[in-house]
Amino acid sequence: MNKFWIILFHTYFNKLKTKSFLITTLMMVIITLALTNLNNIIEVFDKDSGKEKVGVLDEKGQLYKPFKEQMSSLNKNLQLTEFAGTEKEAEKAVEEGEIAGFVLLRYDDQQLPEAEYKAMSVADSAIYTDLQSGLQQMKTMLAASKINLTPEQLNQLYEPVSFKKVALEENAKTEEELNQARGLVYVLLFVIYFAVIMYASMIAMEVATEKSSRVMEILISSVSPIKQMFGKILGIGLLSLTQLAVLLSIGYFSIKRNMSSLEGGFFDAFGFGNISLSTIAYAVIFFILGYFLYATLAAFLGSLVSRIEDVQQMITPMTLLVVAGFMIAMFGLGKPDSPFIVITSYIPFFTPMIMFLRVGMLNIPVWEAALGISILMATIIFFAVFGARVYRGGVLMYGKSNSFKDIKKALQLTKKE
């Protein structure tokens, strides 16, 4: 057992001290701090408290005031100012940066307002959309006054229809709870997806690196393949937990420090304000099981190659399985109870993401989640046993290796020993 711990901690500390790990962790920390301090960063870079200054040229002198009233309720960060000069002078003001753009207001043939917006670039669709919405509302008001509609009648005409959603299933989540769960599951799916790809690839690279240096020939004769393979898997797993612990700790303290600026926005919209313990528990379970499933696959696939350059080619099918699971989960965010999602949640390669999607968004029976976990654990055990046999023969294979036929060769070498 001592040899197992030696391999585990050797893998862990070796990777912990590498420049690539330290740089990756630092970059992730910077991204985490940037996301949790996004509002503060925007305030630093935004001039005039984020307000865009737009000029208004009113040809008849009658449209500016009602237009400004409409815009004040639509976009408070849009600062409208009446431009007293000509259209050419307004264009010059835009070119010199005095204003972001200007709106030319006039009447059409039916004496209803129309406009033209000019700016150096019309890439900022938010400004254009808000200006168009404000003009549309003003046009509606003027058209209603022409046919003698009162403001009350107009409000009644445009009042949204009452449409309630009621779930008949017992303990079904409300629409608000579903929206929050959808955002939370969306974020956690990304964490599972990127972690599995990154750390599983790291295991394959670790095996291929040692094999290319011929260290494997010495190790395989003194340590059993299961101890060696799982020593590396758990070593990298411990490394991933270290990295995640650093990121979560920094993210937690940064969010706590900026809680007032995050409330009511991204933080609440993505459901982080009220995460249930069961969701956290399922996220941890499916993250760990998903990691072990793909880590085991990556270990024996990495043992089949002799050169580091061949690793990515060999693990590409595994990566495509992770991508497929993630894409199915993205589809499932809109239809978590569809038969396709239910069926694929029991396919072990997709279970970590899709079953987590279902337990996060729906109140499914406990036995369904337990069945998915059991299938996943059975698959991990199968690949652990099968992978250990491939691993033992694969690490003794040298030369060009770019085909899955090499699995058969590895198994034959294992039998000969």
Protein backbone atom coordinates (compact mmCIF):
# COMPACT_ATOMS: atom_id res chain seq x y z
CA MET A 1 0.00 0.00 0.00
CA ASN A 2 2.97 2.30 0.63
CA LYS A 3 3.85 2.22 -3.06
CA PHE A 4 0.32 3.38 -3.92
CA TRP A 5 0.66 6.45 -1.65
CA ILE A 6 4.12 7.17 -3.03
CA ILE A 7 2.72 7.27 -6.59
CA LEU A 8 -0.31 9.32 -5.48
CA PHE A 9 1.68 12.02 -3.68
CA HIS A 10 4.48 11.99 -6.26
CA THR A 11 1.90 12.70 -8.99
CA TYR A 12 0.20 15.35 -6.85
CA PHE A 13 3.29 17.32 -5.80
CA ASN A 14 4.95 16.94 -9.20
CA LYS A 15 1.97 18.55 -10.94
CA LEU A 16 1.43 21.07 -8.15
CA LYS A 17 4.89 22.59 -8.75
CA THR A 18 4.65 22.80 -12.54
CA LYS A 19 4.55 26.21 -14.20
CA SER A 20 1.51 25.23 -16.30
CA PHE A 21 -0.55 24.42 -13.18
CA LEU A 22 0.49 27.60 -11.37
CA ILE A 23 -0.18 29.78 -14.42
CA THR A 24 -3.56 28.11 -15.07
CA THR A 25 -4.58 28.54 -11.42
CA LEU A 26 -3.49 32.19 -11.46
CA MET A 27 -5.46 32.85 -14.63
CA MET A 28 -8.56 31.19 -13.14
CA VAL A 29 -8.19 33.27 -9.98
CA ILE A 30 -7.98 36.47 -12.06
CA ILE A 31 -11.08 35.46 -14.07
CA THR A 32 -12.97 34.61 -10.83
CA LEU A 33 -12.05 37.97 -9.28
CA ALA A 34 -13.00 39.77 -12.51
CA LEU A 35 -16.44 38.11 -12.65
CA THR A 36 -17.22 38.74 -8.99
CA ASN A 37 -16.08 42.38 -9.27
CA LEU A 38 -17.60 43.00 -12.71
CA ASN A 39 -19.80 45.91 -11.60
CA ASN A 40 -16.83 47.70 -9.99
CA ILE A 41 -14.66 47.15 -13.09
CA ILE A 42 -17.38 48.55 -15.38
CA GLU A 43 -17.71 51.63 -13.18
CA VAL A 44 -13.95 52.26 -13.42
CA PHE A 45 -13.91 52.15 -17.22
CA ASP A 46 -17.26 53.84 -17.84
CA LYS A 47 -17.12 57.60 -18.21
CA ASP A 48 -19.94 59.80 -16.86
CA SER A 49 -21.25 56.87 -14.76
CA GLY A 50 -21.85 54.81 -17.87
CA LYS A 51 -24.16 57.38 -19.52
CA GLU A 52 -24.16 57.72 -23.29
CA LYS A 53 -24.73 61.25 -24.59
CA VAL A 54 -27.00 61.38 -27.64
CA GLY A 55 -28.05 64.58 -29.40
CA VAL A 56 -31.57 65.16 -30.73
CA LEU A 57 -32.35 67.36 -33.75
CA ASP A 58 -36.06 68.21 -33.76
CA GLU A 59 -37.03 69.67 -37.15
CA LYS A 60 -40.42 70.99 -35.95
CA GLY A 61 -39.50 71.65 -32.31
CA GLN A 62 -42.44 69.57 -31.08
CA LEU A 63 -41.10 66.04 -30.68
CA TYR A 64 -38.06 66.38 -28.42
CA LYS A 65 -39.90 66.80 -25.11
CA PRO A 66 -42.32 63.80 -25.46
CA PHE A 67 -39.47 61.71 -26.90
CA LYS A 68 -37.25 62.48 -23.91
CA GLU A 69 -40.07 61.57 -21.50
CA GLN A 70 -40.47 58.19 -23.19
CA MET A 71 -36.72 57.52 -23.14
CA SER A 72 -36.34 58.41 -19.45
CA SER A 73 -38.44 55.37 -18.52
CA LEU A 74 -36.64 53.05 -20.98
CA ASN A 75 -32.94 53.76 -20.42
CA LYS A 76 -31.74 55.95 -17.58
CA ASN A 77 -28.13 55.68 -18.75
CA LEU A 78 -28.97 57.33 -22.08
CA GLN A 79 -28.50 61.09 -21.80
CA LEU A 80 -30.54 62.96 -24.44
CA THR A 81 -29.68 66.59 -25.19
CA GLU A 82 -31.38 68.86 -27.70
CA PHE A 83 -28.91 69.88 -30.41
CA ALA A 84 -29.44 73.44 -31.58
CA GLY A 85 -27.21 73.34 -34.68
CA THR A 86 -27.61 71.91 -38.17
CA GLU A 87 -27.31 68.29 -39.25
CA LYS A 88 -23.77 68.90 -40.55
CA GLU A 89 -22.77 70.43 -37.23
CA ALA A 90 -24.22 67.40 -35.42
CA GLU A 91 -22.19 65.05 -37.63
CA LYS A 92 -19.07 67.05 -36.81
CA ALA A 93 -19.87 66.80 -33.06
CA VAL A 94 -20.09 63.02 -33.42
CA GLU A 95 -16.76 62.87 -35.28
CA GLU A 96 -15.09 64.96 -32.55
CA GLY A 97 -16.50 62.72 -29.80
CA GLU A 98 -18.71 65.36 -28.17
CA ILE A 99 -21.75 63.09 -28.54
CA ALA A 100 -22.06 59.33 -29.22
CA GLY A 101 -24.59 59.96 -31.99
CA PHE A 102 -27.68 61.99 -32.83
CA VAL A 103 -31.33 61.39 -33.68
CA LEU A 104 -33.03 63.39 -36.41
CA LEU A 105 -36.75 63.68 -35.53
CA ARG A 106 -39.40 64.70 -38.05
CA TYR A 107 -43.01 64.04 -39.15
CA ASP A 108 -43.96 61.67 -41.96
CA ASP A 109 -46.77 62.19 -44.50
CA GLN A 110 -49.40 61.14 -41.93
CA GLN A 111 -48.04 63.59 -39.36
CA LEU A 112 -46.62 60.79 -37.24
CA PRO A 113 -43.03 60.79 -35.95
CA GLU A 114 -40.14 59.14 -37.76
CA ALA A 115 -36.43 59.29 -37.03
CA GLU A 116 -32.93 58.73 -38.37
CA TYR A 117 -30.03 57.81 -36.10
CA LYS A 118 -26.45 58.66 -37.05
CA ALA A 119 -23.28 57.60 -35.23
CA MET A 120 -19.68 56.70 -36.04
CA SER A 121 -20.69 53.06 -35.70
CA VAL A 122 -24.08 51.37 -35.29
CA ALA A 123 -22.53 48.28 -33.69
CA ASP A 124 -24.06 49.16 -30.29
CA SER A 125 -27.49 47.67 -30.92
CA ALA A 126 -28.67 48.44 -27.35
CA ILE A 127 -28.73 52.22 -27.98
CA TYR A 128 -30.43 51.83 -31.36
CA THR A 129 -33.04 49.42 -29.95
CA ASP A 130 -33.89 51.69 -27.01
CA LEU A 131 -34.21 54.75 -29.25
CA GLN A 132 -36.46 52.82 -31.64
CA SER A 133 -38.62 51.56 -28.74
CA GLY A 134 -38.98 55.08 -27.36
CA LEU A 135 -40.00 56.42 -30.78
CA GLN A 136 -42.49 53.55 -31.24
CA GLN A 137 -44.15 54.33 -27.91
CA MET A 138 -44.37 58.02 -28.76
CA LYS A 139 -45.86 57.22 -32.18
CA THR A 140 -48.45 54.96 -30.53
CA MET A 141 -49.46 57.74 -28.13
CA LEU A 142 -49.82 60.29 -30.94
CA ALA A 143 -51.77 57.87 -33.15
CA ALA A 144 -54.10 57.06 -30.24
CA SER A 145 -54.78 60.75 -29.63
CA LYS A 146 -55.75 61.16 -33.30
CA ILE A 147 -58.53 58.56 -32.93
CA ASN A 148 -59.56 60.01 -29.55
CA LEU A 149 -58.37 57.10 -27.38
CA THR A 150 -57.97 58.06 -23.73
CA PRO A 151 -54.74 57.13 -21.89
CA GLU A 152 -56.77 54.58 -19.88
CA GLN A 153 -58.07 52.94 -23.05
CA LEU A 154 -54.57 52.88 -24.51
CA ASN A 155 -53.14 51.26 -21.37
CA GLN A 156 -55.93 48.70 -21.45
CA LEU A 157 -55.18 47.94 -25.10
CA TYR A 158 -51.47 47.32 -24.48
CA GLU A 159 -51.78 45.71 -21.05
CA PRO A 160 -50.15 42.23 -21.13
CA VAL A 161 -52.59 39.33 -21.10
CA SER A 162 -52.81 37.38 -17.84
CA PHE A 163 -51.32 33.93 -18.43
CA LYS A 164 -50.49 31.76 -15.44
CA LYS A 165 -48.61 28.47 -15.44
CA VAL A 166 -49.78 25.85 -12.96
CA ALA A 167 -48.02 22.50 -12.50
CA LEU A 168 -50.39 19.70 -11.45
CA GLU A 169 -47.60 17.34 -10.43
CA GLU A 170 -47.12 17.13 -6.68
CA ASN A 171 -44.11 19.12 -5.39
CA ALA A 172 -43.42 20.43 -8.92
CA LYS A 173 -41.25 23.54 -9.07
CA THR A 174 -42.78 26.92 -9.87
CA GLU A 175 -41.71 28.92 -12.93
CA GLU A 176 -39.51 31.16 -10.76
CA GLU A 177 -37.85 28.15 -9.10
CA LEU A 178 -37.29 26.55 -12.52
CA ASN A 179 -35.63 29.72 -13.88
CA GLN A 180 -33.31 29.89 -10.87
CA ALA A 181 -32.53 26.16 -11.08
CA ARG A 182 -31.88 26.49 -14.82
CA GLY A 183 -29.28 29.21 -14.25
CA LEU A 184 -27.58 27.33 -11.42
CA VAL A 185 -27.49 24.03 -13.34
CA TYR A 186 -26.16 25.88 -16.41
CA VAL A 187 -23.17 27.22 -14.45
CA LEU A 188 -22.45 23.92 -12.67
CA LEU A 189 -22.65 22.01 -15.97
CA PHE A 190 -19.86 24.23 -17.29
CA VAL A 191 -17.78 23.46 -14.17
CA ILE A 192 -18.26 19.70 -14.61
CA TYR A 193 -17.63 19.90 -18.37
CA PHE A 194 -14.37 21.87 -18.22
CA ALA A 195 -13.05 20.06 -15.13
CA VAL A 196 -13.58 16.61 -16.66
CA ILE A 197 -11.92 17.59 -19.96
CA MET A 198 -8.99 19.39 -18.35
CA TYR A 199 -8.10 16.88 -15.61
CA ALA A 200 -8.77 13.73 -17.66
CA SER A 201 -6.45 15.08 -20.37
CA MET A 202 -3.87 15.82 -17.68
CA ILE A 203 -3.91 12.16 -16.58
CA ALA A 204 -3.41 10.93 -20.15
CA MET A 205 -0.50 13.35 -20.60
CA GLU A 206 1.04 12.25 -17.29
CA VAL A 207 0.98 8.57 -18.31
CA ALA A 208 2.32 9.30 -21.80
CA THR A 209 5.11 11.52 -20.42
CA GLU A 210 6.38 8.84 -18.03
CA LYS A 211 6.08 6.20 -20.71
CA SER A 212 8.10 8.25 -23.19
CA SER A 213 10.89 8.50 -20.60
CA ARG A 214 10.88 4.66 -20.13
CA VAL A 215 10.20 5.10 -16.39
CA MET A 216 7.19 2.80 -16.85
CA GLU A 217 9.36 -0.25 -17.47
CA ILE A 218 10.73 0.07 -13.93
CA LEU A 219 7.43 1.01 -12.25
CA ILE A 220 5.31 -1.71 -13.86
CA SER A 221 7.62 -4.44 -12.56
CA SER A 222 7.38 -3.28 -8.94
CA VAL A 223 3.86 -1.83 -8.65
CA SER A 224 0.58 -3.47 -9.69
CA PRO A 225 -1.22 -1.73 -12.58
CA ILE A 226 -4.31 -0.96 -10.49
CA LYS A 227 -2.22 0.75 -7.79
CA GLN A 228 -0.25 2.65 -10.39
CA MET A 229 -3.28 3.75 -12.42
CA PHE A 230 -5.39 4.80 -9.46
CA GLY A 231 -2.42 6.44 -7.79
CA LYS A 232 -2.20 8.76 -10.78
CA ILE A 233 -5.99 9.20 -11.01
CA LEU A 234 -6.31 10.11 -7.32
CA GLY A 235 -3.17 12.26 -7.47
CA ILE A 236 -4.60 14.36 -10.29
CA GLY A 237 -8.00 14.28 -8.54
CA LEU A 238 -6.41 15.71 -5.40
CA LEU A 239 -4.77 18.35 -7.57
CA SER A 240 -8.14 19.29 -9.10
CA LEU A 241 -9.70 19.56 -5.63
CA THR A 242 -6.83 21.82 -4.56
CA GLN A 243 -7.39 24.08 -7.55
CA LEU A 244 -11.16 24.13 -7.05
CA ALA A 245 -10.74 24.85 -3.32
CA VAL A 246 -8.55 27.87 -4.13
CA LEU A 247 -11.04 29.17 -6.71
CA LEU A 248 -14.11 28.58 -4.53
CA SER A 249 -12.50 30.20 -1.49
CA ILE A 250 -11.46 33.30 -3.43
CA GLY A 251 -14.81 33.40 -5.22
CA TYR A 252 -16.74 33.08 -1.94
CA PHE A 253 -14.88 35.88 -0.16
CA SER A 254 -15.04 38.11 -3.24
CA ILE A 255 -18.80 37.56 -3.61
CA LYS A 256 -19.33 38.17 0.10
CA ARG A 257 -17.37 41.42 -0.17
CA ASN A 258 -19.43 42.58 -3.18
CA MET A 259 -22.78 41.12 -2.10
CA SER A 260 -24.62 44.46 -2.23
CA SER A 261 -23.67 45.11 -5.87
CA LEU A 262 -24.50 41.53 -6.92
CA GLU A 263 -27.96 41.32 -5.36
CA GLY A 264 -30.86 41.45 -7.78
CA GLY A 265 -28.65 40.91 -10.82
CA PHE A 266 -26.48 38.04 -12.11
CA PHE A 267 -26.21 36.54 -8.63
CA ASP A 268 -29.96 36.13 -8.10
CA ALA A 269 -30.78 35.44 -11.76
CA PHE A 270 -28.53 32.37 -11.74
CA GLY A 271 -30.01 31.05 -8.51
CA PHE A 272 -26.96 31.55 -6.30
CA GLY A 273 -29.00 33.35 -3.67
CA ASN A 274 -30.78 30.19 -2.48
CA ILE A 275 -28.86 27.03 -3.42
CA SER A 276 -30.42 23.95 -1.83
CA LEU A 277 -28.16 21.50 0.01
CA SER A 278 -29.46 18.61 -2.11
CA THR A 279 -28.39 20.39 -5.31
CA ILE A 280 -24.90 20.98 -3.89
CA ALA A 281 -24.69 17.34 -2.77
CA TYR A 282 -25.72 16.04 -6.20
CA ALA A 283 -23.28 18.43 -7.90
CA VAL A 284 -20.40 17.06 -5.79
CA ILE A 285 -21.46 13.41 -6.33
CA PHE A 286 -21.82 13.69 -10.11
CA PHE A 287 -18.64 15.76 -10.40
CA ILE A 288 -16.58 13.12 -8.56
CA LEU A 289 -18.16 10.17 -10.41
CA GLY A 290 -17.84 11.92 -13.78
CA TYR A 291 -14.20 12.65 -13.04
CA PHE A 292 -13.44 9.02 -12.13
CA LEU A 293 -15.24 7.69 -15.21
CA TYR A 294 -13.34 9.83 -17.69
CA ALA A 295 -10.09 9.75 -15.69
CA THR A 296 -10.07 5.93 -15.88
CA LEU A 297 -10.69 6.09 -19.62
CA ALA A 298 -7.95 8.70 -20.05
CA ALA A 299 -5.41 6.65 -18.06
CA PHE A 300 -5.61 3.52 -20.19
CA LEU A 301 -5.89 5.50 -23.44
CA GLY A 302 -2.77 7.45 -22.43
CA SER A 303 -0.95 4.16 -21.82
CA LEU A 304 -1.45 3.17 -25.48
CA VAL A 305 0.64 6.02 -26.90
CA SER A 306 4.42 6.29 -26.89
CA ARG A 307 4.68 9.97 -27.78
CA ILE A 308 3.10 12.96 -26.09
CA GLU A 309 2.11 14.27 -29.54
CA ASP A 310 -0.27 11.31 -29.99
CA VAL A 311 -2.20 11.86 -26.74
CA GLN A 312 -4.78 14.32 -28.09
CA GLN A 313 -5.53 12.10 -31.08
CA MET A 314 -6.07 9.06 -28.86
CA ILE A 315 -8.36 10.81 -26.35
CA THR A 316 -10.38 12.70 -28.99
CA PRO A 317 -13.27 10.15 -28.94
CA MET A 318 -13.44 10.51 -25.15
CA THR A 319 -13.50 14.30 -25.47
CA LEU A 320 -16.30 14.06 -28.05
CA LEU A 321 -18.35 12.01 -25.57
CA VAL A 322 -18.00 14.79 -22.99
CA VAL A 323 -18.95 17.41 -25.59
CA ALA A 324 -21.96 15.33 -26.69
CA GLY A 325 -23.14 15.03 -23.08
CA PHE A 326 -22.76 18.77 -22.58
CA MET A 327 -24.69 19.59 -25.79
CA ILE A 328 -27.52 17.22 -24.81
CA ALA A 329 -27.61 18.88 -21.38
CA MET A 330 -27.88 22.32 -23.03
CA PHE A 331 -30.90 21.06 -24.99
CA GLY A 332 -32.31 19.61 -21.77
CA LEU A 333 -32.28 22.99 -20.02
CA GLY A 334 -35.39 23.86 -22.04
CA LYS A 335 -37.01 20.40 -21.86
CA PRO A 336 -35.65 18.58 -18.79
CA ASP A 337 -38.57 16.12 -18.72
CA SER A 338 -38.48 15.05 -22.39
CA PRO A 339 -38.15 11.26 -23.06
CA PHE A 340 -34.84 11.82 -24.88
CA ILE A 341 -33.32 13.50 -21.81
CA VAL A 342 -34.69 10.81 -19.49
CA ILE A 343 -33.21 7.99 -21.61
CA THR A 344 -29.79 9.63 -22.11
CA SER A 345 -29.51 10.36 -18.38
CA TYR A 346 -29.01 6.60 -17.85
CA ILE A 347 -26.21 6.32 -20.43
CA PRO A 348 -23.14 6.34 -18.14
CA PHE A 349 -21.02 8.61 -20.36
CA PHE A 350 -23.74 11.27 -20.18
CA THR A 351 -25.09 10.60 -16.66
CA PRO A 352 -22.82 13.04 -14.75
CA MET A 353 -24.24 16.02 -16.64
CA ILE A 354 -27.72 14.95 -17.73
CA MET A 355 -28.85 13.20 -14.53
CA PHE A 356 -27.55 16.20 -12.58
CA LEU A 357 -29.60 18.42 -14.92
CA ARG A 358 -32.74 16.40 -14.08
CA VAL A 359 -32.23 16.34 -10.29
CA GLY A 360 -31.40 20.05 -10.34
CA MET A 361 -34.46 21.15 -12.32
CA LEU A 362 -37.08 18.50 -11.53
CA ASN A 363 -38.36 16.73 -8.44
CA ILE A 364 -37.63 13.24 -9.72
CA PRO A 365 -37.99 10.14 -7.49
CA VAL A 366 -34.90 9.34 -5.42
CA TRP A 367 -34.69 5.88 -6.98
CA GLU A 368 -34.09 7.40 -10.45
CA ALA A 369 -31.10 9.40 -9.23
CA ALA A 370 -29.88 6.36 -7.27
CA LEU A 371 -30.21 4.17 -10.37
CA GLY A 372 -28.17 6.66 -12.43
CA ILE A 373 -25.48 6.78 -9.73
CA SER A 374 -25.42 2.95 -9.51
CA ILE A 375 -25.03 2.57 -13.29
CA LEU A 376 -22.25 5.15 -13.24
CA MET A 377 -20.42 3.41 -10.37
CA ALA A 378 -20.75 -0.01 -12.08
CA THR A 379 -19.31 1.48 -15.29
CA ILE A 380 -16.40 3.00 -13.36
CA ILE A 381 -15.63 -0.38 -11.74
CA PHE A 382 -15.80 -2.10 -15.14
CA PHE A 383 -13.44 0.40 -16.74
CA ALA A 384 -11.15 0.24 -13.68
CA VAL A 385 -10.74 -3.54 -14.06
CA PHE A 386 -10.62 -3.51 -17.85
CA GLY A 387 -8.48 -0.36 -17.88
CA ALA A 388 -5.95 -1.89 -15.47
CA ARG A 389 -5.45 -4.84 -17.85
CA VAL A 390 -5.04 -2.53 -20.85
CA TYR A 391 -2.82 -0.24 -18.79
CA ARG A 392 -0.43 -3.07 -17.81
CA GLY A 393 0.11 -4.13 -21.43
CA GLY A 394 -0.20 -0.66 -22.92
CA VAL A 395 2.66 0.85 -20.96
CA LEU A 396 4.99 -1.80 -22.45
CA MET A 397 4.04 -0.91 -26.04
CA TYR A 398 6.32 1.46 -27.93
CA GLY A 399 6.36 2.82 -31.44
CA LYS A 400 3.71 4.74 -33.35
CA SER A 401 0.26 4.23 -31.87
CA ASN A 402 -2.81 5.84 -33.39
CA SER A 403 -5.44 3.13 -33.50
CA PHE A 404 -7.81 1.52 -31.03
CA LYS A 405 -6.60 -1.85 -32.31
CA ASP A 406 -3.74 -1.28 -29.89
CA ILE A 407 -6.14 -2.11 -27.04
CA LYS A 408 -6.20 -5.71 -28.28
CA LYS A 409 -2.38 -5.76 -28.47
CA ALA A 410 -2.17 -4.39 -24.92
CA LEU A 411 -4.50 -7.12 -23.62
CA GLN A 412 -2.40 -9.78 -25.37
CA LEU A 413 0.78 -8.44 -23.75
CA THR A 414 -0.94 -8.56 -20.34
CA LYS A 415 -1.85 -12.24 -20.83
CA LYS A 416 1.74 -13.12 -21.74
CA GLU A 417 3.08 -11.77 -18.45
